[in-house]
């Protein structure tokens, strides 16, 4: 959309609390752009999290819901595994999620 078209459709409704008299439509457009960037960042982090999880199909784009669900399951299993290892109950640890780092 060109500048002339934007100016033609622009109605200058000003916010009364701003001394700079910034049009409300301009504020809304700026806020919408910030919100879109925020959503993109969140989505990128969710998909990055999904790439780290076992049991998430890497060939097909999983839903954000599935990624978050699998992340919660995996974190719970890691926490349980860690607790068992700290207690010395290595026979209770499932091999599927046993990963040694260090």
PDB file of N, CA and C in Angstrom:
ATOM      1  N   UNK A   1       0.862  -1.165   0.000  1.00  0.00           N
ATOM      2  CA  UNK A   1       0.000   0.000   0.000  1.00  0.00           C
ATOM      3  C   UNK A   1       0.905   1.224   0.000  1.00  0.00           C
ATOM      4  N   UNK A   2       0.705   2.126  -0.935  1.00  0.00           N
ATOM      5  CA  UNK A   2       1.557   3.290  -1.080  1.00  0.00           C
ATOM      6  C   UNK A   2       1.270   4.354  -0.036  1.00  0.00           C
ATOM      7  N   UNK A   3       2.192   5.292   0.065  1.00  0.00           N
ATOM      8  CA  UNK A   3       2.065   6.367   1.045  1.00  0.00           C
ATOM      9  C   UNK A   3       0.851   7.231   0.766  1.00  0.00           C
ATOM     10  N   UNK A   4       0.606   7.499  -0.522  1.00  0.00           N
ATOM     11  CA  UNK A   4      -0.544   8.333  -0.882  1.00  0.00           C
ATOM     12  C   UNK A   4      -1.841   7.670  -0.444  1.00  0.00           C
ATOM     13  N   UNK A   5      -1.929   6.353  -0.627  1.00  0.00           N
ATOM     14  CA  UNK A   5      -3.130   5.614  -0.234  1.00  0.00           C
ATOM     15  C   UNK A   5      -3.300   5.655   1.286  1.00  0.00           C
ATOM     16  N   UNK A   6      -2.201   5.498   2.014  1.00  0.00           N
ATOM     17  CA  UNK A   6      -2.276   5.566   3.473  1.00  0.00           C
ATOM     18  C   UNK A   6      -2.747   6.937   3.931  1.00  0.00           C
ATOM     19  N   UNK A   7      -2.204   7.979   3.318  1.00  0.00           N
ATOM     20  CA  UNK A   7      -2.578   9.335   3.705  1.00  0.00           C
ATOM     21  C   UNK A   7      -4.038   9.619   3.370  1.00  0.00           C
ATOM     22  N   UNK A   8      -4.517   9.036   2.277  1.00  0.00           N
ATOM     23  CA  UNK A   8      -5.902   9.255   1.870  1.00  0.00           C
ATOM     24  C   UNK A   8      -6.859   8.623   2.877  1.00  0.00           C
ATOM     25  N   UNK A   9      -6.522   7.433   3.367  1.00  0.00           N
ATOM     26  CA  UNK A   9      -7.396   6.715   4.290  1.00  0.00           C
ATOM     27  C   UNK A   9      -7.181   7.128   5.743  1.00  0.00           C
ATOM     28  N   UNK A  10      -6.177   7.915   6.010  1.00  0.00           N
ATOM     29  CA  UNK A  10      -5.809   8.270   7.371  1.00  0.00           C
ATOM     30  C   UNK A  10      -6.736   9.349   7.912  1.00  0.00           C
ATOM     31  N   UNK A  11      -7.341   9.051   9.045  1.00  0.00           N
ATOM     32  CA  UNK A  11      -8.148  10.063   9.724  1.00  0.00           C
ATOM     33  C   UNK A  11      -7.417  10.414  11.001  1.00  0.00           C
ATOM     34  N   UNK A  12      -7.142  11.649  11.198  1.00  0.00           N
ATOM     35  CA  UNK A  12      -6.329  12.083  12.329  1.00  0.00           C
ATOM     36  C   UNK A  12      -7.174  12.209  13.585  1.00  0.00           C
ATOM     37  N   UNK A  13      -7.215  11.147  14.352  1.00  0.00           N
ATOM     38  CA  UNK A  13      -7.861  11.159  15.657  1.00  0.00           C
ATOM     39  C   UNK A  13      -6.719  11.216  16.658  1.00  0.00           C
ATOM     40  N   UNK A  14      -6.679  12.256  17.447  1.00  0.00           N
ATOM     41  CA  UNK A  14      -5.557  12.458  18.346  1.00  0.00           C
ATOM     42  C   UNK A  14      -5.909  12.046  19.766  1.00  0.00           C
ATOM     43  N   UNK A  15      -4.907  11.558  20.440  1.00  0.00           N
ATOM     44  CA  UNK A  15      -5.043  11.205  21.843  1.00  0.00           C
ATOM     45  C   UNK A  15      -4.924  12.481  22.661  1.00  0.00           C
ATOM     46  N   UNK A  16      -5.842  12.671  23.583  1.00  0.00           N
ATOM     47  CA  UNK A  16      -5.862  13.912  24.358  1.00  0.00           C
ATOM     48  C   UNK A  16      -4.780  13.959  25.431  1.00  0.00           C
ATOM     49  N   UNK A  17      -4.237  12.787  25.821  1.00  0.00           N
ATOM     50  CA  UNK A  17      -3.266  12.784  26.905  1.00  0.00           C
ATOM     51  C   UNK A  17      -1.828  12.981  26.434  1.00  0.00           C
ATOM     52  N   UNK A  18      -1.603  12.985  25.150  1.00  0.00           N
ATOM     53  CA  UNK A  18      -0.255  13.148  24.622  1.00  0.00           C
ATOM     54  C   UNK A  18      -0.020  14.581  24.196  1.00  0.00           C
ATOM     55  N   UNK A  19       1.069  15.135  24.685  1.00  0.00           N
ATOM     56  CA  UNK A  19       1.395  16.494  24.288  1.00  0.00           C
ATOM     57  C   UNK A  19       1.940  16.530  22.876  1.00  0.00           C
ATOM     58  N   UNK A  20       2.503  15.407  22.411  1.00  0.00           N
ATOM     59  CA  UNK A  20       3.054  15.349  21.069  1.00  0.00           C
ATOM     60  C   UNK A  20       1.992  15.201  20.001  1.00  0.00           C
ATOM     61  N   UNK A  21       0.748  14.998  20.390  1.00  0.00           N
ATOM     62  CA  UNK A  21      -0.385  14.854  19.470  1.00  0.00           C
ATOM     63  C   UNK A  21      -0.123  13.776  18.405  1.00  0.00           C
ATOM     64  N   UNK A  22       0.171  12.566  18.851  1.00  0.00           N
ATOM     65  CA  UNK A  22       0.366  11.445  17.937  1.00  0.00           C
ATOM     66  C   UNK A  22      -1.003  10.869  17.609  1.00  0.00           C
ATOM     67  N   UNK A  23      -1.306  10.699  16.326  1.00  0.00           N
ATOM     68  CA  UNK A  23      -2.612  10.152  15.952  1.00  0.00           C
ATOM     69  C   UNK A  23      -2.825   8.759  16.552  1.00  0.00           C
ATOM     70  N   UNK A  24      -4.049   8.485  16.997  1.00  0.00           N
ATOM     71  CA  UNK A  24      -4.387   7.200  17.615  1.00  0.00           C
ATOM     72  C   UNK A  24      -4.178   6.065  16.620  1.00  0.00           C
ATOM     73  N   UNK A  25      -4.539   6.271  15.350  1.00  0.00           N
ATOM     74  CA  UNK A  25      -4.350   5.220  14.345  1.00  0.00           C
ATOM     75  C   UNK A  25      -2.877   4.857  14.208  1.00  0.00           C
ATOM     76  N   UNK A  26      -2.008   5.832  14.272  1.00  0.00           N
ATOM     77  CA  UNK A  26      -0.569   5.574  14.181  1.00  0.00           C
ATOM     78  C   UNK A  26      -0.109   4.755  15.385  1.00  0.00           C
ATOM     79  N   UNK A  27      -0.606   5.094  16.564  1.00  0.00           N
ATOM     80  CA  UNK A  27      -0.274   4.334  17.774  1.00  0.00           C
ATOM     81  C   UNK A  27      -0.731   2.883  17.642  1.00  0.00           C
ATOM     82  N   UNK A  28      -1.938   2.704  17.132  1.00  0.00           N
ATOM     83  CA  UNK A  28      -2.488   1.359  16.982  1.00  0.00           C
ATOM     84  C   UNK A  28      -1.651   0.551  15.993  1.00  0.00           C
ATOM     85  N   UNK A  29      -1.277   1.167  14.883  1.00  0.00           N
ATOM     86  CA  UNK A  29      -0.466   0.463  13.888  1.00  0.00           C
ATOM     87  C   UNK A  29       0.896   0.097  14.469  1.00  0.00           C
ATOM     88  N   UNK A  30       1.496   0.991  15.226  1.00  0.00           N
ATOM     89  CA  UNK A  30       2.789   0.710  15.853  1.00  0.00           C
ATOM     90  C   UNK A  30       2.651  -0.426  16.865  1.00  0.00           C
ATOM     91  N   UNK A  31       1.596  -0.386  17.648  1.00  0.00           N
ATOM     92  CA  UNK A  31       1.367  -1.448  18.630  1.00  0.00           C
ATOM     93  C   UNK A  31       1.144  -2.795  17.936  1.00  0.00           C
ATOM     94  N   UNK A  32       0.378  -2.799  16.859  1.00  0.00           N
ATOM     95  CA  UNK A  32       0.130  -4.039  16.117  1.00  0.00           C
ATOM     96  C   UNK A  32       1.431  -4.619  15.568  1.00  0.00           C
ATOM     97  N   UNK A  33       2.305  -3.755  15.083  1.00  0.00           N
ATOM     98  CA  UNK A  33       3.589  -4.215  14.561  1.00  0.00           C
ATOM     99  C   UNK A  33       4.443  -4.817  15.682  1.00  0.00           C
ATOM    100  N   UNK A  34       4.449  -4.185  16.826  1.00  0.00           N
ATOM    101  CA  UNK A  34       5.189  -4.711  17.976  1.00  0.00           C
ATOM    102  C   UNK A  34       4.613  -6.062  18.396  1.00  0.00           C
ATOM    103  N   UNK A  35       3.303  -6.166  18.412  1.00  0.00           N
ATOM    104  CA  UNK A  35       2.641  -7.418  18.792  1.00  0.00           C
ATOM    105  C   UNK A  35       2.963  -8.535  17.798  1.00  0.00           C
ATOM    106  N   UNK A  36       2.989  -8.223  16.505  1.00  0.00           N
ATOM    107  CA  UNK A  36       3.339  -9.230  15.493  1.00  0.00           C
ATOM    108  C   UNK A  36       4.764  -9.736  15.710  1.00  0.00           C
ATOM    109  N   UNK A  37       5.693  -8.826  15.983  1.00  0.00           N
ATOM    110  CA  UNK A  37       7.084  -9.235  16.240  1.00  0.00           C
ATOM    111  C   UNK A  37       7.169 -10.119  17.479  1.00  0.00           C
ATOM    112  N   UNK A  38       6.407  -9.782  18.510  1.00  0.00           N
ATOM    113  CA  UNK A  38       6.394 -10.585  19.737  1.00  0.00           C
ATOM    114  C   UNK A  38       5.901 -11.997  19.450  1.00  0.00           C
ATOM    115  N   UNK A  39       4.831 -12.106  18.655  1.00  0.00           N
ATOM    116  CA  UNK A  39       4.282 -13.423  18.314  1.00  0.00           C
ATOM    117  C   UNK A  39       5.271 -14.245  17.496  1.00  0.00           C
ATOM    118  N   UNK A  40       5.975 -13.594  16.585  1.00  0.00           N
ATOM    119  CA  UNK A  40       6.973 -14.297  15.776  1.00  0.00           C
ATOM    120  C   UNK A  40       8.083 -14.836  16.671  1.00  0.00           C
ATOM    121  N   UNK A  41       8.544 -14.028  17.621  1.00  0.00           N
ATOM    122  CA  UNK A  41       9.592 -14.478  18.544  1.00  0.00           C
ATOM    123  C   UNK A  41       9.125 -15.669  19.371  1.00  0.00           C
ATOM    124  N   UNK A  42       7.904 -15.586  19.890  1.00  0.00           N
ATOM    125  CA  UNK A  42       7.363 -16.692  20.688  1.00  0.00           C
ATOM    126  C   UNK A  42       7.285 -17.959  19.843  1.00  0.00           C
ATOM    127  N   UNK A  43       6.759 -17.837  18.628  1.00  0.00           N
ATOM    128  CA  UNK A  43       6.656 -19.004  17.746  1.00  0.00           C
ATOM    129  C   UNK A  43       8.028 -19.589  17.442  1.00  0.00           C
ATOM    130  N   UNK A  44       9.005 -18.735  17.173  1.00  0.00           N
ATOM    131  CA  UNK A  44      10.356 -19.227  16.894  1.00  0.00           C
ATOM    132  C   UNK A  44      10.915 -20.000  18.075  1.00  0.00           C
ATOM    133  N   UNK A  45      10.711 -19.498  19.297  1.00  0.00           N
ATOM    134  CA  UNK A  45      11.209 -20.205  20.475  1.00  0.00           C
ATOM    135  C   UNK A  45      10.476 -21.526  20.683  1.00  0.00           C
ATOM    136  N   UNK A  46       9.186 -21.551  20.415  1.00  0.00           N
ATOM    137  CA  UNK A  46       8.432 -22.802  20.564  1.00  0.00           C
ATOM    138  C   UNK A  46       8.956 -23.847  19.589  1.00  0.00           C
ATOM    139  N   UNK A  47       9.161 -23.460  18.319  1.00  0.00           N
ATOM    140  CA  UNK A  47       9.653 -24.427  17.339  1.00  0.00           C
ATOM    141  C   UNK A  47      11.100 -24.830  17.623  1.00  0.00           C
ATOM    142  N   UNK A  48      11.874 -23.929  18.185  1.00  0.00           N
ATOM    143  CA  UNK A  48      13.238 -24.274  18.581  1.00  0.00           C
ATOM    144  C   UNK A  48      13.206 -25.287  19.723  1.00  0.00           C
ATOM    145  N   UNK A  49      12.315 -25.087  20.671  1.00  0.00           N
ATOM    146  CA  UNK A  49      12.127 -26.043  21.758  1.00  0.00           C
ATOM    147  C   UNK A  49      11.736 -27.406  21.194  1.00  0.00           C
ATOM    148  N   UNK A  50      10.820 -27.416  20.231  1.00  0.00           N
ATOM    149  CA  UNK A  50      10.386 -28.667  19.618  1.00  0.00           C
ATOM    150  C   UNK A  50      11.520 -29.425  18.956  1.00  0.00           C
ATOM    151  N   UNK A  51      12.478 -28.700  18.401  1.00  0.00           N
ATOM    152  CA  UNK A  51      13.603 -29.362  17.734  1.00  0.00           C
ATOM    153  C   UNK A  51      14.513 -30.078  18.729  1.00  0.00           C
ATOM    154  N   UNK A  52      14.418 -29.735  19.999  1.00  0.00           N
ATOM    155  CA  UNK A  52      15.254 -30.351  21.032  1.00  0.00           C
ATOM    156  C   UNK A  52      14.596 -31.555  21.698  1.00  0.00           C
ATOM    157  N   UNK A  53      13.317 -31.758  21.442  1.00  0.00           N
ATOM    158  CA  UNK A  53      12.572 -32.793  22.155  1.00  0.00           C
ATOM    159  C   UNK A  53      12.605 -34.136  21.442  1.00  0.00           C
ATOM    160  N   UNK A  54      12.815 -35.218  22.207  1.00  0.00           N
ATOM    161  CA  UNK A  54      12.673 -36.549  21.616  1.00  0.00           C
ATOM    162  C   UNK A  54      11.186 -36.845  21.417  1.00  0.00           C
ATOM    163  N   UNK A  55      10.879 -37.607  20.419  1.00  0.00           N
ATOM    164  CA  UNK A  55       9.489 -38.001  20.192  1.00  0.00           C
ATOM    165  C   UNK A  55       8.670 -36.984  19.434  1.00  0.00           C
ATOM    166  N   UNK A  56       9.295 -35.928  18.948  1.00  0.00           N
ATOM    167  CA  UNK A  56       8.588 -34.946  18.125  1.00  0.00           C
ATOM    168  C   UNK A  56       9.089 -35.130  16.705  1.00  0.00           C
ATOM    169  N   UNK A  57       8.164 -35.377  15.790  1.00  0.00           N
ATOM    170  CA  UNK A  57       8.513 -35.628  14.391  1.00  0.00           C
ATOM    171  C   UNK A  57       9.156 -34.388  13.786  1.00  0.00           C
ATOM    172  N   UNK A  58      10.415 -34.516  13.384  1.00  0.00           N
ATOM    173  CA  UNK A  58      11.157 -33.376  12.834  1.00  0.00           C
ATOM    174  C   UNK A  58      10.837 -33.152  11.352  1.00  0.00           C
ATOM    175  N   UNK A  59      10.306 -34.187  10.678  1.00  0.00           N
ATOM    176  CA  UNK A  59      10.001 -34.072   9.250  1.00  0.00           C
ATOM    177  C   UNK A  59       8.735 -33.271   9.003  1.00  0.00           C
ATOM    178  N   UNK A  60       7.809 -33.350   9.926  1.00  0.00           N
ATOM    179  CA  UNK A  60       6.523 -32.662   9.790  1.00  0.00           C
ATOM    180  C   UNK A  60       6.455 -31.572  10.853  1.00  0.00           C
ATOM    181  N   UNK A  61       5.952 -30.412  10.495  1.00  0.00           N
ATOM    182  CA  UNK A  61       5.870 -29.304  11.447  1.00  0.00           C
ATOM    183  C   UNK A  61       4.819 -29.627  12.511  1.00  0.00           C
ATOM    184  N   UNK A  62       5.263 -29.849  13.753  1.00  0.00           N
ATOM    185  CA  UNK A  62       4.303 -30.159  14.817  1.00  0.00           C
ATOM    186  C   UNK A  62       3.565 -28.902  15.271  1.00  0.00           C
ATOM    187  N   UNK A  63       2.412 -29.099  15.856  1.00  0.00           N
ATOM    188  CA  UNK A  63       1.650 -27.959  16.371  1.00  0.00           C
ATOM    189  C   UNK A  63       2.346 -27.407  17.615  1.00  0.00           C
ATOM    190  N   UNK A  64       2.090 -26.148  17.892  1.00  0.00           N
ATOM    191  CA  UNK A  64       2.662 -25.524  19.089  1.00  0.00           C
ATOM    192  C   UNK A  64       2.151 -26.238  20.332  1.00  0.00           C
ATOM    193  N   UNK A  65       0.896 -26.640  20.307  1.00  0.00           N
ATOM    194  CA  UNK A  65       0.303 -27.354  21.433  1.00  0.00           C
ATOM    195  C   UNK A  65       1.053 -28.657  21.701  1.00  0.00           C
ATOM    196  N   UNK A  66       1.342 -29.418  20.636  1.00  0.00           N
ATOM    197  CA  UNK A  66       2.058 -30.684  20.786  1.00  0.00           C
ATOM    198  C   UNK A  66       3.461 -30.445  21.345  1.00  0.00           C
ATOM    199  N   UNK A  67       4.138 -29.434  20.834  1.00  0.00           N
ATOM    200  CA  UNK A  67       5.491 -29.129  21.314  1.00  0.00           C
ATOM    201  C   UNK A  67       5.474 -28.818  22.807  1.00  0.00           C
ATOM    202  N   UNK A  68       4.556 -27.967  23.233  1.00  0.00           N
ATOM    203  CA  UNK A  68       4.496 -27.603  24.652  1.00  0.00           C
ATOM    204  C   UNK A  68       4.110 -28.799  25.516  1.00  0.00           C
ATOM    205  N   UNK A  69       3.193 -29.623  25.017  1.00  0.00           N
ATOM    206  CA  UNK A  69       2.789 -30.829  25.749  1.00  0.00           C
ATOM    207  C   UNK A  69       3.979 -31.771  25.917  1.00  0.00           C
ATOM    208  N   UNK A  70       4.710 -32.021  24.827  1.00  0.00           N
ATOM    209  CA  UNK A  70       5.870 -32.918  24.877  1.00  0.00           C
ATOM    210  C   UNK A  70       6.983 -32.332  25.751  1.00  0.00           C
ATOM    211  N   UNK A  71       7.128 -31.014  25.739  1.00  0.00           N
ATOM    212  CA  UNK A  71       8.151 -30.372  26.574  1.00  0.00           C
ATOM    213  C   UNK A  71       7.849 -30.594  28.049  1.00  0.00           C
ATOM    214  N   UNK A  72       6.588 -30.444  28.431  1.00  0.00           N
ATOM    215  CA  UNK A  72       6.201 -30.665  29.828  1.00  0.00           C
ATOM    216  C   UNK A  72       6.462 -32.120  30.216  1.00  0.00           C
ATOM    217  N   UNK A  73       6.072 -33.061  29.352  1.00  0.00           N
ATOM    218  CA  UNK A  73       6.299 -34.483  29.639  1.00  0.00           C
ATOM    219  C   UNK A  73       7.789 -34.773  29.798  1.00  0.00           C
ATOM    220  N   UNK A  74       8.586 -34.242  28.875  1.00  0.00           N
ATOM    221  CA  UNK A  74      10.024 -34.502  28.892  1.00  0.00           C
ATOM    222  C   UNK A  74      10.686 -33.898  30.131  1.00  0.00           C
ATOM    223  N   UNK A  75      10.304 -32.700  30.490  1.00  0.00           N
ATOM    224  CA  UNK A  75      10.874 -32.054  31.679  1.00  0.00           C
ATOM    225  C   UNK A  75      10.517 -32.841  32.935  1.00  0.00           C
ATOM    226  N   UNK A  76       9.270 -33.327  33.016  1.00  0.00           N
ATOM    227  CA  UNK A  76       8.873 -34.147  34.170  1.00  0.00           C
ATOM    228  C   UNK A  76       9.713 -35.417  34.235  1.00  0.00           C
ATOM    229  N   UNK A  77       9.924 -36.064  33.085  1.00  0.00           N
ATOM    230  CA  UNK A  77      10.720 -37.293  33.071  1.00  0.00           C
ATOM    231  C   UNK A  77      12.172 -37.008  33.424  1.00  0.00           C
ATOM    232  N   UNK A  78      12.717 -35.911  32.930  1.00  0.00           N
ATOM    233  CA  UNK A  78      14.093 -35.545  33.284  1.00  0.00           C
ATOM    234  C   UNK A  78      14.223 -35.272  34.778  1.00  0.00           C
ATOM    235  N   UNK A  79      13.239 -34.590  35.328  1.00  0.00           N
ATOM    236  CA  UNK A  79      13.257 -34.286  36.762  1.00  0.00           C
ATOM    237  C   UNK A  79      13.196 -35.581  37.573  1.00  0.00           C
ATOM    238  N   UNK A  80      12.310 -36.505  37.180  1.00  0.00           N
ATOM    239  CA  UNK A  80      12.203 -37.787  37.885  1.00  0.00           C
ATOM    240  C   UNK A  80      13.495 -38.593  37.761  1.00  0.00           C
ATOM    241  N   UNK A  81      14.069 -38.614  36.557  1.00  0.00           N
ATOM    242  CA  UNK A  81      15.324 -39.331  36.330  1.00  0.00           C
ATOM    243  C   UNK A  81      16.438 -38.739  37.182  1.00  0.00           C
ATOM    244  N   UNK A  82      16.513 -37.433  37.208  1.00  0.00           N
ATOM    245  CA  UNK A  82      17.532 -36.753  38.008  1.00  0.00           C
ATOM    246  C   UNK A  82      17.378 -37.095  39.490  1.00  0.00           C
ATOM    247  N   UNK A  83      16.141 -37.083  39.960  1.00  0.00           N
ATOM    248  CA  UNK A  83      15.886 -37.413  41.364  1.00  0.00           C
ATOM    249  C   UNK A  83      16.321 -38.841  41.669  1.00  0.00           C
ATOM    250  N   UNK A  84      16.007 -39.777  40.775  1.00  0.00           N
ATOM    251  CA  UNK A  84      16.390 -41.179  40.984  1.00  0.00           C
ATOM    252  C   UNK A  84      17.911 -41.331  40.988  1.00  0.00           C
ATOM    253  N   UNK A  85      18.577 -40.627  40.085  1.00  0.00           N
ATOM    254  CA  UNK A  85      20.040 -40.700  40.038  1.00  0.00           C
ATOM    255  C   UNK A  85      20.670 -40.116  41.300  1.00  0.00           C
ATOM    256  N   UNK A  86      20.120 -39.010  41.782  1.00  0.00           N
ATOM    257  CA  UNK A  86      20.646 -38.395  43.000  1.00  0.00           C
ATOM    258  C   UNK A  86      20.454 -39.296  44.216  1.00  0.00           C
ATOM    259  N   UNK A  87      19.373 -40.066  44.217  1.00  0.00           N
ATOM    260  CA  UNK A  87      19.103 -40.988  45.325  1.00  0.00           C
ATOM    261  C   UNK A  87      19.874 -42.298  45.174  1.00  0.00           C
ATOM    262  N   UNK A  88      20.535 -42.479  44.030  1.00  0.00           N
ATOM    263  CA  UNK A  88      21.302 -43.697  43.805  1.00  0.00           C
ATOM    264  C   UNK A  88      20.475 -44.862  43.319  1.00  0.00           C
ATOM    265  N   UNK A  89      19.264 -44.612  42.881  1.00  0.00           N
ATOM    266  CA  UNK A  89      18.384 -45.671  42.383  1.00  0.00           C
ATOM    267  C   UNK A  89      18.512 -45.794  40.870  1.00  0.00           C
ATOM    268  N   UNK A  90      19.686 -46.165  40.409  1.00  0.00           N
ATOM    269  CA  UNK A  90      19.906 -46.228  38.960  1.00  0.00           C
ATOM    270  C   UNK A  90      19.097 -47.330  38.297  1.00  0.00           C
ATOM    271  N   UNK A  91      18.688 -48.349  39.055  1.00  0.00           N
ATOM    272  CA  UNK A  91      17.876 -49.414  38.459  1.00  0.00           C
ATOM    273  C   UNK A  91      16.459 -48.933  38.157  1.00  0.00           C
ATOM    274  N   UNK A  92      16.025 -47.834  38.795  1.00  0.00           N
ATOM    275  CA  UNK A  92      14.691 -47.284  38.555  1.00  0.00           C
ATOM    276  C   UNK A  92      14.655 -46.311  37.379  1.00  0.00           C
ATOM    277  N   UNK A  93      15.811 -46.009  36.820  1.00  0.00           N
ATOM    278  CA  UNK A  93      15.897 -45.022  35.745  1.00  0.00           C
ATOM    279  C   UNK A  93      15.632 -45.696  34.414  1.00  0.00           C
ATOM    280  N   UNK A  94      14.718 -45.092  33.635  1.00  0.00           N
ATOM    281  CA  UNK A  94      14.414 -45.617  32.304  1.00  0.00           C
ATOM    282  C   UNK A  94      15.519 -45.199  31.345  1.00  0.00           C
ATOM    283  N   UNK A  95      15.972 -46.131  30.524  1.00  0.00           N
ATOM    284  CA  UNK A  95      17.058 -45.865  29.590  1.00  0.00           C
ATOM    285  C   UNK A  95      16.704 -44.931  28.457  1.00  0.00           C
ATOM    286  N   UNK A  96      15.413 -44.775  28.151  1.00  0.00           N
ATOM    287  CA  UNK A  96      15.010 -43.944  27.018  1.00  0.00           C
ATOM    288  C   UNK A  96      15.451 -42.501  27.182  1.00  0.00           C
ATOM    289  N   UNK A  97      15.432 -42.002  28.383  1.00  0.00           N
ATOM    290  CA  UNK A  97      15.716 -40.590  28.609  1.00  0.00           C
ATOM    291  C   UNK A  97      17.016 -40.365  29.367  1.00  0.00           C
ATOM    292  N   UNK A  98      17.787 -41.418  29.533  1.00  0.00           N
ATOM    293  CA  UNK A  98      19.022 -41.302  30.286  1.00  0.00           C
ATOM    294  C   UNK A  98      20.117 -40.748  29.385  1.00  0.00           C
ATOM    295  N   UNK A  99      20.521 -39.546  29.672  1.00  0.00           N
ATOM    296  CA  UNK A  99      21.571 -38.887  28.902  1.00  0.00           C
ATOM    297  C   UNK A  99      22.561 -38.309  29.897  1.00  0.00           C
ATOM    298  N   UNK A 100      23.813 -38.647  29.726  1.00  0.00           N
ATOM    299  CA  UNK A 100      24.843 -38.125  30.620  1.00  0.00           C
ATOM    300  C   UNK A 100      25.547 -36.969  29.937  1.00  0.00           C
ATOM    301  N   UNK A 101      25.635 -35.871  30.634  1.00  0.00           N
ATOM    302  CA  UNK A 101      26.307 -34.686  30.112  1.00  0.00           C
ATOM    303  C   UNK A 101      27.509 -34.421  30.995  1.00  0.00           C
ATOM    304  N   UNK A 102      28.616 -34.142  30.389  1.00  0.00           N
ATOM    305  CA  UNK A 102      29.755 -33.796  31.213  1.00  0.00           C
ATOM    306  C   UNK A 102      30.934 -34.500  30.779  1.00  0.00           C
TER     307      UNK A 102
END
